[in-house]
């Protein structure tokens, strides 16, 4: 029904925003990972939206990128996965991280999202693994600078930063450009970047 909503960002909470468009305020649920990418209150924003209709409610879910919305919709095709769980997964991990985890059968990574247990993770992998474009993931990874490839050390560092309370977006930005080979060095350098950024 709504492909996207473009308007003024009026309210901003943990996992929801209010965007005013043509005099109407739309309350939209968003993944926590995009909050830092949103403009300041009072500025214009554009969210690609998904309308979830239930018997007792109509809920809008919004994303800054079409890719995020498309992956959200793909997650909803999995048996037992509802909008809140799918949103939680995109709050903890980026689309690229989820795609890699599903393609490689990484249940441990999927289970870090709220509401995703071992059986749910296995079901996600079973139902989506063949639908993930593995060639695109490999191409994206191989054409990236060495310092930005998702090696096991970088994934370990990313997960460590997230366990300390940083969002996936914050952690990815802090790790960008770092060329340390072992995870402990990556974590130390990333924390330094985060500290400098917040000063």
Protein backbone atom coordinates (compact mmCIF):
# COMPACT_ATOMS: atom_id res chain seq x y z
CA UNK A 1 0.00 0.00 0.00
CA UNK A 2 2.80 2.43 0.93
CA UNK A 3 6.03 2.06 -1.06
CA UNK A 4 7.68 4.77 1.02
CA UNK A 5 6.86 7.78 3.18
CA UNK A 6 8.76 11.03 2.79
CA UNK A 7 8.30 13.83 5.30
CA UNK A 8 9.55 15.60 8.41
CA UNK A 9 11.02 13.55 11.25
CA UNK A 10 8.95 14.67 14.26
CA UNK A 11 9.65 12.05 16.94
CA UNK A 12 12.46 9.57 17.53
CA UNK A 13 12.38 6.69 20.02
CA UNK A 14 14.31 3.44 20.49
CA UNK A 15 12.63 1.48 17.70
CA UNK A 16 10.04 3.82 16.31
CA UNK A 17 9.74 7.24 14.73
CA UNK A 18 6.97 9.64 13.72
CA UNK A 19 7.20 11.14 10.24
CA UNK A 20 4.78 13.91 9.25
CA UNK A 21 3.74 13.91 5.62
CA UNK A 22 1.01 16.19 4.27
CA UNK A 23 -0.30 16.95 7.75
CA UNK A 24 -0.46 13.30 8.84
CA UNK A 25 1.90 11.83 11.43
CA UNK A 26 2.90 8.25 10.63
CA UNK A 27 4.23 6.12 13.48
CA UNK A 28 6.77 3.77 11.96
CA UNK A 29 8.70 0.93 13.61
CA UNK A 30 12.37 0.96 12.56
CA UNK A 31 15.39 -1.25 13.32
CA UNK A 32 17.62 0.25 15.99
CA UNK A 33 20.59 0.02 13.62
CA UNK A 34 19.29 2.90 11.45
CA UNK A 35 18.70 5.43 14.24
CA UNK A 36 22.15 6.98 13.88
CA UNK A 37 21.67 7.32 10.13
CA UNK A 38 18.45 9.30 10.47
CA UNK A 39 18.51 13.09 10.14
CA UNK A 40 17.91 15.43 13.08
CA UNK A 41 14.38 16.12 14.31
CA UNK A 42 12.64 18.65 12.11
CA UNK A 43 14.51 17.56 8.97
CA UNK A 44 13.18 15.58 6.01
CA UNK A 45 13.61 11.84 5.76
CA UNK A 46 12.42 9.05 3.48
CA UNK A 47 11.59 5.57 4.71
CA UNK A 48 10.75 2.56 2.56
CA UNK A 49 7.77 1.05 4.32
CA UNK A 50 6.06 -2.28 4.87
CA UNK A 51 2.46 -2.34 6.11
CA UNK A 52 1.59 -5.22 8.44
CA UNK A 53 -2.14 -5.72 8.87
CA UNK A 54 -3.49 -7.71 11.82
CA UNK A 55 -7.00 -8.13 13.12
CA UNK A 56 -6.36 -5.66 15.93
CA UNK A 57 -3.80 -3.30 14.39
CA UNK A 58 -2.12 -1.89 11.30
CA UNK A 59 1.62 -1.35 11.74
CA UNK A 60 4.15 0.39 9.52
CA UNK A 61 7.78 -0.74 9.42
CA UNK A 62 10.34 1.53 7.81
CA UNK A 63 13.88 1.28 6.40
CA UNK A 64 16.34 3.75 4.94
CA UNK A 65 17.43 1.40 2.14
CA UNK A 66 15.36 -0.72 -0.24
CA UNK A 67 17.74 -3.62 0.42
CA UNK A 68 16.85 -3.54 4.13
CA UNK A 69 13.12 -3.61 3.39
CA UNK A 70 13.53 -6.45 0.89
CA UNK A 71 15.53 -8.53 3.36
CA UNK A 72 12.91 -7.82 6.06
CA UNK A 73 10.20 -9.13 3.73
CA UNK A 74 12.30 -12.18 2.95
CA UNK A 75 12.64 -12.96 6.66
CA UNK A 76 8.85 -12.78 7.00
CA UNK A 77 8.49 -15.68 4.57
CA UNK A 78 10.11 -17.98 7.13
CA UNK A 79 7.63 -20.03 9.13
CA UNK A 80 7.12 -18.52 12.58
CA UNK A 81 9.00 -15.26 11.90
CA UNK A 82 6.88 -12.16 12.51
CA UNK A 83 7.66 -8.48 11.95
CA UNK A 84 8.98 -7.87 15.48
CA UNK A 85 11.52 -10.73 15.28
CA UNK A 86 12.59 -9.73 11.76
CA UNK A 87 13.00 -6.13 12.94
CA UNK A 88 15.07 -7.32 15.90
CA UNK A 89 17.37 -9.24 13.58
CA UNK A 90 17.98 -6.13 11.47
CA UNK A 91 18.58 -4.12 14.65
CA UNK A 92 21.41 -6.41 15.71
CA UNK A 93 22.93 -7.25 12.31
CA UNK A 94 23.31 -5.56 8.95
CA UNK A 95 21.78 -7.12 5.83
CA UNK A 96 25.25 -8.25 4.75
CA UNK A 97 25.95 -9.94 8.08
CA UNK A 98 22.61 -11.77 8.04
CA UNK A 99 23.11 -12.88 4.45
CA UNK A 100 26.56 -14.27 5.25
CA UNK A 101 25.27 -16.01 8.40
CA UNK A 102 22.41 -17.65 6.51
CA UNK A 103 24.56 -18.61 3.52
CA UNK A 104 27.23 -20.19 5.74
CA UNK A 105 24.78 -21.82 8.18
CA UNK A 106 26.04 -19.71 11.10
CA UNK A 107 23.35 -20.40 13.72
CA UNK A 108 25.35 -18.75 16.50
CA UNK A 109 25.25 -15.35 14.82
CA UNK A 110 21.51 -15.57 14.10
CA UNK A 111 20.79 -16.51 17.72
CA UNK A 112 22.21 -13.19 18.93
CA UNK A 113 19.04 -11.46 17.76
CA UNK A 114 16.20 -11.19 20.30
CA UNK A 115 13.55 -13.87 19.88
CA UNK A 116 15.75 -16.13 17.77
CA UNK A 117 16.56 -19.46 19.39
CA UNK A 118 18.42 -22.46 18.02
CA UNK A 119 15.39 -24.01 16.30
CA UNK A 120 14.33 -20.69 14.78
CA UNK A 121 17.86 -20.08 13.49
CA UNK A 122 17.91 -23.55 11.91
CA UNK A 123 14.54 -22.89 10.27
CA UNK A 124 15.77 -19.55 8.87
CA UNK A 125 18.84 -21.24 7.38
CA UNK A 126 16.78 -24.14 6.00
CA UNK A 127 14.18 -21.92 4.32
CA UNK A 128 16.41 -19.09 3.10
CA UNK A 129 19.84 -20.56 2.42
CA UNK A 130 19.02 -21.38 -1.21
CA UNK A 131 17.55 -17.89 -1.71
CA UNK A 132 20.70 -16.02 -0.67
CA UNK A 133 22.80 -14.80 -3.58
CA UNK A 134 26.12 -16.35 -2.52
CA UNK A 135 27.90 -15.07 -5.63
CA UNK A 136 26.93 -11.49 -4.78
CA UNK A 137 28.24 -11.94 -1.22
CA UNK A 138 31.55 -13.35 -2.51
CA UNK A 139 31.87 -10.60 -5.11
CA UNK A 140 31.18 -7.89 -2.56
CA UNK A 141 33.71 -9.40 -0.19
CA UNK A 142 36.45 -10.02 -2.76
CA UNK A 143 36.23 -6.57 -4.30
CA UNK A 144 36.39 -4.79 -0.94
CA UNK A 145 39.69 -3.53 0.47
CA UNK A 146 41.46 -6.13 2.62
CA UNK A 147 40.78 -3.97 5.69
CA UNK A 148 37.01 -4.19 5.07
CA UNK A 149 36.60 -7.91 4.34
CA UNK A 150 34.61 -9.93 6.84
CA UNK A 151 37.27 -12.33 8.04
CA UNK A 152 36.63 -14.46 11.12
CA UNK A 153 38.80 -12.03 13.13
CA UNK A 154 36.75 -9.03 12.00
CA UNK A 155 33.49 -10.86 12.74
CA UNK A 156 34.79 -11.74 16.20
CA UNK A 157 35.75 -8.11 16.80
CA UNK A 158 32.37 -6.92 15.56
CA UNK A 159 30.54 -9.31 17.88
CA UNK A 160 32.71 -8.22 20.83
CA UNK A 161 31.86 -4.55 20.20
CA UNK A 162 28.17 -5.38 19.96
CA UNK A 163 28.36 -7.28 23.28
CA UNK A 164 29.71 -4.06 24.80
CA UNK A 165 26.55 -2.25 23.77
CA UNK A 166 27.54 -0.72 20.43
CA UNK A 167 25.16 -1.05 17.48
CA UNK A 168 26.18 -3.00 14.38
CA UNK A 169 26.48 0.28 12.48
CA UNK A 170 28.74 1.85 15.14
CA UNK A 171 30.88 -1.27 15.26
CA UNK A 172 31.21 -1.53 11.48
CA UNK A 173 32.23 2.12 11.19
CA UNK A 174 34.79 1.75 13.97
CA UNK A 175 36.33 -1.26 12.22
CA UNK A 176 36.37 0.32 8.76
CA UNK A 177 39.89 0.88 7.51
CA UNK A 178 41.62 -1.10 10.26
CA UNK A 179 44.24 -3.57 9.03
CA UNK A 180 45.20 -5.35 12.27
CA UNK A 181 45.14 -9.11 11.71
CA UNK A 182 44.11 -10.47 15.12
CA UNK A 183 40.75 -9.79 16.72
CA UNK A 184 42.13 -8.39 19.99
CA UNK A 185 44.06 -5.70 18.09
CA UNK A 186 41.00 -4.90 16.00
CA UNK A 187 38.87 -4.53 19.14
CA UNK A 188 41.44 -2.28 20.80
CA UNK A 189 41.77 -0.02 17.74
CA UNK A 190 38.01 0.08 17.17
CA UNK A 191 37.38 1.12 20.79
CA UNK A 192 39.92 3.90 20.31
CA UNK A 193 38.04 5.06 17.21
CA UNK A 194 34.73 4.99 19.08
CA UNK A 195 36.24 6.94 21.97
CA UNK A 196 37.64 9.61 19.66
CA UNK A 197 34.35 9.84 17.78
CA UNK A 198 32.38 10.54 20.97
CA UNK A 199 34.71 13.30 22.20
